[in-house]
């Protein structure tokens, strides 16, 4: 579908303290976009200011913070915003049975509910000006769920479902809704995920405790990432630029070989085959670390 030109090349880019957000903000600015980056921590906001941006503070777990960020953004862009890139989020590691209600609720508060509350406050702006772009940064784990990243996968599955519904609901409005699905990317997301796992490990009485300890001692994040296929965050930034600039953006942009493989598995493979693949990888991990303890 062809969409009207974006009224203003100005975009709100969430989660710009490190990784995809930080790199993407600089990349878009270098390609002619005015970027209003967001971050949660004061130190990260100050770092963005030193790089020449005018960032906004944003905590997606707070409705008040979301309202303030939208108001500040609209003031900075003069009331006309070309798009929003929903990149903020984190990955809660851990076996599903080890996660508390707080762990699960907070994962969805940030990755789903806060993301969509922010988007809902910007949709009227896009409607009024006759167009705009909503770019949601998902993951290969929004298509294929993996052991020890199940609740993160669930949040990204939810993002994918919301995006698909919103794309149809906004048909004819001039607003394009696009997903970008990265695979393994070099970023602080991995170490941040490990920090959450460490926090959980302090109180968890788990049959997987030995696995947690071994993985974290090696700097892992409880994921089975294929480092061979890992790409720098610039690879994601290039796909975001395409989603913003193209008059006929795709519904999904995949980044890295695992992202394409995950989409293929979900579309053409069976649950039984997918389970065998996951179990095979999981058994290799158990063999390397040692048996699960009761």
Protein backbone atom coordinates (compact mmCIF):
# COMPACT_ATOMS: atom_id res chain seq x y z
CA UNK A 1 0.00 0.00 0.00
CA UNK A 2 1.23 3.48 -0.84
CA UNK A 3 1.22 6.08 1.94
CA UNK A 4 1.33 9.87 1.69
CA UNK A 5 4.66 11.63 2.29
CA UNK A 6 5.48 12.16 5.95
CA UNK A 7 4.53 15.76 6.86
CA UNK A 8 7.70 16.44 8.82
CA UNK A 9 10.95 14.48 9.03
CA UNK A 10 10.79 14.58 12.82
CA UNK A 11 10.60 11.44 14.91
CA UNK A 12 10.31 10.48 18.57
CA UNK A 13 12.73 7.60 19.18
CA UNK A 14 12.35 5.80 22.52
CA UNK A 15 15.04 3.92 24.41
CA UNK A 16 18.08 5.81 23.17
CA UNK A 17 20.48 5.35 26.07
CA UNK A 18 22.47 2.57 24.33
CA UNK A 19 22.44 0.08 21.49
CA UNK A 20 19.81 0.24 18.79
CA UNK A 21 18.28 3.47 20.12
CA UNK A 22 21.53 5.37 20.55
CA UNK A 23 22.89 4.23 17.19
CA UNK A 24 19.56 4.70 15.43
CA UNK A 25 19.15 8.27 16.69
CA UNK A 26 22.55 9.25 15.31
CA UNK A 27 21.98 7.33 12.07
CA UNK A 28 18.63 9.01 11.36
CA UNK A 29 20.03 12.44 12.19
CA UNK A 30 22.86 11.85 9.74
CA UNK A 31 20.22 11.05 7.09
CA UNK A 32 18.26 14.25 7.45
CA UNK A 33 15.84 13.44 10.25
CA UNK A 34 15.26 15.56 13.32
CA UNK A 35 15.35 13.05 16.16
CA UNK A 36 13.85 13.57 19.61
CA UNK A 37 15.37 10.71 21.59
CA UNK A 38 14.05 9.50 24.93
CA UNK A 39 15.75 7.87 27.89
CA UNK A 40 14.75 7.11 31.46
CA UNK A 41 17.89 7.87 33.45
CA UNK A 42 19.18 11.44 33.97
CA UNK A 43 22.76 10.45 33.10
CA UNK A 44 21.62 9.04 29.76
CA UNK A 45 19.62 12.18 29.00
CA UNK A 46 22.68 14.29 29.73
CA UNK A 47 24.80 12.12 27.45
CA UNK A 48 22.31 12.65 24.61
CA UNK A 49 22.39 16.42 25.20
CA UNK A 50 26.18 16.36 24.91
CA UNK A 51 25.73 14.66 21.53
CA UNK A 52 23.62 17.59 20.33
CA UNK A 53 20.14 16.15 20.85
CA UNK A 54 17.24 17.61 22.81
CA UNK A 55 15.99 14.46 24.54
CA UNK A 56 12.87 13.87 26.61
CA UNK A 57 12.65 11.85 29.79
CA UNK A 58 10.37 8.83 29.51
CA UNK A 59 9.49 6.03 31.92
CA UNK A 60 7.03 3.68 30.25
CA UNK A 61 5.80 2.33 33.59
CA UNK A 62 4.39 5.77 34.46
CA UNK A 63 1.32 7.26 32.78
CA UNK A 64 2.35 10.70 34.02
CA UNK A 65 5.80 10.34 32.47
CA UNK A 66 4.23 9.29 29.17
CA UNK A 67 1.88 12.29 29.17
CA UNK A 68 4.74 14.67 29.98
CA UNK A 69 6.98 13.16 27.29
CA UNK A 70 4.26 13.54 24.63
CA UNK A 71 3.62 17.16 25.63
CA UNK A 72 7.32 17.98 25.59
CA UNK A 73 7.81 16.22 22.25
CA UNK A 74 4.96 18.13 20.61
CA UNK A 75 6.36 21.41 21.92
CA UNK A 76 9.80 20.57 20.52
CA UNK A 77 8.47 19.62 17.07
CA UNK A 78 6.02 22.51 16.80
CA UNK A 79 2.98 20.25 16.87
CA UNK A 80 3.90 18.21 13.78
CA UNK A 81 5.56 14.83 14.25
CA UNK A 82 6.53 12.50 11.43
CA UNK A 83 6.66 9.30 13.42
CA UNK A 84 7.42 7.35 16.56
CA UNK A 85 9.91 4.52 16.91
CA UNK A 86 8.97 2.27 19.82
CA UNK A 87 12.33 0.86 20.81
CA UNK A 88 12.26 1.02 24.63
CA UNK A 89 12.22 -2.33 26.33
CA UNK A 90 14.20 -4.97 28.13
CA UNK A 91 14.35 -8.77 28.26
CA UNK A 92 13.40 -10.59 31.44
CA UNK A 93 15.46 -13.76 31.55
CA UNK A 94 14.58 -16.87 33.48
CA UNK A 95 12.55 -20.05 33.33
CA UNK A 96 8.83 -19.30 33.39
CA UNK A 97 8.31 -21.17 36.67
CA UNK A 98 10.91 -18.96 38.37
CA UNK A 99 9.30 -15.63 37.50
CA UNK A 100 7.24 -13.76 40.05
CA UNK A 101 4.03 -11.93 39.20
CA UNK A 102 6.01 -8.68 39.57
CA UNK A 103 8.60 -9.88 37.01
CA UNK A 104 5.89 -10.73 34.49
CA UNK A 105 3.78 -7.61 35.04
CA UNK A 106 6.78 -5.30 34.76
CA UNK A 107 7.90 -6.97 31.53
CA UNK A 108 4.52 -6.22 29.99
CA UNK A 109 4.26 -2.75 31.56
CA UNK A 110 7.38 -1.64 29.71
CA UNK A 111 7.34 -3.70 26.50
CA UNK A 112 3.60 -3.63 25.80
CA UNK A 113 1.33 -1.42 27.90
CA UNK A 114 3.60 1.62 28.15
CA UNK A 115 4.58 1.31 24.50
CA UNK A 116 0.98 1.29 23.37
CA UNK A 117 -0.15 4.03 25.75
CA UNK A 118 2.50 6.29 24.23
CA UNK A 119 1.45 5.32 20.70
CA UNK A 120 -2.23 5.92 21.44
CA UNK A 121 -1.47 9.46 22.54
CA UNK A 122 0.32 10.16 19.26
CA UNK A 123 -2.17 8.60 16.84
CA UNK A 124 -4.53 11.63 17.02
CA UNK A 125 -1.58 13.83 16.00
CA UNK A 126 -0.91 11.66 12.96
CA UNK A 127 -4.62 11.54 12.05
CA UNK A 128 -4.93 15.31 12.21
CA UNK A 129 -1.95 15.92 9.94
CA UNK A 130 -2.97 13.19 7.51
CA UNK A 131 -0.13 10.77 8.00
CA UNK A 132 2.76 9.47 10.05
CA UNK A 133 4.78 6.34 10.81
CA UNK A 134 4.61 3.99 13.78
CA UNK A 135 7.68 1.74 13.83
CA UNK A 136 7.71 -0.97 16.49
CA UNK A 137 11.00 -2.71 17.27
CA UNK A 138 10.12 -6.33 17.91
CA UNK A 139 12.43 -9.35 17.84
CA UNK A 140 12.89 -12.76 16.28
CA UNK A 141 11.62 -13.89 19.69
CA UNK A 142 8.32 -12.29 18.78
CA UNK A 143 7.91 -15.15 16.30
CA UNK A 144 9.73 -18.04 18.00
CA UNK A 145 9.73 -18.51 21.78
CA UNK A 146 12.90 -19.79 23.42
CA UNK A 147 13.59 -21.39 26.80
CA UNK A 148 14.57 -18.90 29.52
CA UNK A 149 13.27 -15.98 27.46
CA UNK A 150 9.62 -17.00 27.49
CA UNK A 151 8.09 -13.95 29.17
CA UNK A 152 10.14 -11.61 26.96
CA UNK A 153 8.95 -13.60 23.93
CA UNK A 154 5.38 -13.28 25.21
CA UNK A 155 5.72 -9.50 25.36
CA UNK A 156 7.06 -9.39 21.81
CA UNK A 157 4.34 -11.77 20.58
CA UNK A 158 1.90 -9.25 22.08
CA UNK A 159 3.61 -6.38 20.28
CA UNK A 160 3.33 -8.27 17.01
CA UNK A 161 -0.39 -8.94 17.55
CA UNK A 162 -1.08 -5.31 18.47
CA UNK A 163 0.85 -4.08 15.45
CA UNK A 164 -1.05 -6.36 13.06
CA UNK A 165 -4.40 -5.21 14.45
CA UNK A 166 -3.42 -1.54 14.50
CA UNK A 167 -2.21 -1.68 10.90
CA UNK A 168 -5.68 -2.74 9.75
CA UNK A 169 -7.52 -0.38 12.11
CA UNK A 170 -5.56 2.58 10.72
CA UNK A 171 -6.07 1.62 7.08
CA UNK A 172 -6.93 4.72 5.05
CA UNK A 173 -5.67 7.14 7.71
CA UNK A 174 -2.30 7.71 6.06
CA UNK A 175 -0.58 6.19 9.10
CA UNK A 176 1.78 3.30 8.33
CA UNK A 177 2.42 0.74 11.08
CA UNK A 178 5.61 -1.27 10.65
CA UNK A 179 7.49 -3.95 12.58
CA UNK A 180 11.28 -4.30 12.62
CA UNK A 181 12.39 -7.74 13.78
CA UNK A 182 16.06 -7.94 14.80
CA UNK A 183 17.86 -11.14 15.58
CA UNK A 184 21.08 -11.08 17.64
CA UNK A 185 22.42 -7.51 17.73
CA UNK A 186 25.50 -6.14 19.46
CA UNK A 187 24.06 -3.99 22.23
CA UNK A 188 23.74 -3.47 25.98
CA UNK A 189 20.40 -5.30 25.82
CA UNK A 190 22.30 -8.52 26.47
CA UNK A 191 24.12 -7.29 29.58
CA UNK A 192 20.95 -5.57 30.83
CA UNK A 193 19.11 -8.86 30.47
CA UNK A 194 21.82 -10.55 32.48
CA UNK A 195 21.43 -7.99 35.27
CA UNK A 196 17.76 -8.85 35.58
CA UNK A 197 18.66 -12.54 35.76
CA UNK A 198 21.22 -11.88 38.48
CA UNK A 199 18.63 -10.03 40.51
CA UNK A 200 16.22 -12.92 40.18
CA UNK A 201 18.89 -15.46 41.06
CA UNK A 202 19.45 -13.93 44.49
CA UNK A 203 16.10 -15.17 45.75
CA UNK A 204 15.22 -18.00 43.40
CA UNK A 205 15.09 -21.57 44.64
CA UNK A 206 15.16 -23.17 41.25
CA UNK A 207 16.00 -26.50 39.61
CA UNK A 208 17.80 -24.37 37.01
CA UNK A 209 20.02 -22.55 39.47
CA UNK A 210 23.21 -24.26 38.29
CA UNK A 211 22.45 -23.22 34.73
CA UNK A 212 21.81 -19.60 35.75
CA UNK A 213 25.07 -19.43 37.67
CA UNK A 214 27.14 -20.99 34.91
CA UNK A 215 25.65 -18.83 32.16
CA UNK A 216 25.99 -15.60 34.10
CA UNK A 217 29.54 -16.37 35.19
CA UNK A 218 30.43 -16.58 31.48
CA UNK A 219 28.69 -13.29 30.77
CA UNK A 220 25.71 -14.94 29.10
CA UNK A 221 22.11 -13.83 29.13
CA UNK A 222 20.45 -17.26 29.17
CA UNK A 223 19.87 -16.98 25.45
CA UNK A 224 21.12 -19.29 22.71
CA UNK A 225 22.17 -16.49 20.40
CA UNK A 226 24.09 -17.37 17.29
CA UNK A 227 27.09 -15.06 17.60
CA UNK A 228 28.15 -16.03 14.09
CA UNK A 229 25.12 -14.16 12.75
CA UNK A 230 25.27 -11.17 15.10
CA UNK A 231 25.17 -7.75 13.48
CA UNK A 232 25.88 -4.22 14.74
CA UNK A 233 22.96 -1.93 15.62
CA UNK A 234 23.52 0.02 12.38
CA UNK A 235 21.87 -2.91 10.59
CA UNK A 236 18.66 -2.21 12.49
CA UNK A 237 18.98 1.54 11.94
CA UNK A 238 19.09 1.01 8.17
CA UNK A 239 15.82 -0.94 8.27
CA UNK A 240 14.21 1.74 10.46
CA UNK A 241 15.19 4.36 7.88
CA UNK A 242 13.57 2.28 5.12
CA UNK A 243 10.40 1.97 7.20
CA UNK A 244 10.30 5.75 7.55
CA UNK A 245 11.33 6.80 4.05
CA UNK A 246 9.60 4.28 1.81
CA UNK A 247 6.26 5.32 0.29
CA UNK A 248 5.35 1.62 0.35
CA UNK A 249 6.90 0.29 3.57
CA UNK A 250 6.80 -3.42 4.26
CA UNK A 251 4.75 -4.69 7.16
CA UNK A 252 7.88 -6.37 8.58
CA UNK A 253 11.61 -5.78 8.17
CA UNK A 254 13.85 -8.63 9.35
CA UNK A 255 17.44 -8.14 10.49
CA UNK A 256 20.01 -11.00 10.66
CA UNK A 257 19.81 -14.58 9.42
CA UNK A 258 18.15 -15.90 12.64
CA UNK A 259 15.28 -13.44 12.12
CA UNK A 260 14.61 -14.87 8.65
CA UNK A 261 15.01 -18.42 9.97
CA UNK A 262 12.58 -17.77 12.81
CA UNK A 263 9.96 -16.43 10.41
CA UNK A 264 10.44 -19.48 8.18
CA UNK A 265 10.07 -21.88 11.12
CA UNK A 266 6.91 -20.19 12.32
CA UNK A 267 5.33 -20.22 8.87
CA UNK A 268 6.34 -23.58 7.46
CA UNK A 269 7.47 -25.81 10.31
CA UNK A 270 5.35 -27.74 12.81
CA UNK A 271 5.31 -27.37 16.58
CA UNK A 272 6.79 -30.85 16.90
CA UNK A 273 9.75 -29.98 14.67
CA UNK A 274 10.29 -26.64 16.37
CA UNK A 275 10.21 -28.32 19.78
CA UNK A 276 12.81 -30.87 18.64
CA UNK A 277 15.11 -28.06 17.50
CA UNK A 278 14.75 -26.23 20.81
CA UNK A 279 15.20 -29.43 22.82
CA UNK A 280 18.32 -30.32 20.85
CA UNK A 281 19.87 -26.96 21.65
CA UNK A 282 18.70 -27.22 25.24
CA UNK A 283 20.21 -30.70 25.69
CA UNK A 284 23.55 -29.47 24.38
CA UNK A 285 23.41 -26.67 26.94
CA UNK A 286 22.61 -29.10 29.78
CA UNK A 287 25.43 -31.33 28.69
CA UNK A 288 27.86 -28.44 28.80
CA UNK A 289 26.73 -27.10 32.15
CA UNK A 290 25.63 -30.25 33.98
CA UNK A 291 22.32 -31.80 34.86
CA UNK A 292 19.41 -29.86 36.31
CA UNK A 293 19.30 -30.13 40.09
CA UNK A 294 16.12 -30.90 41.97
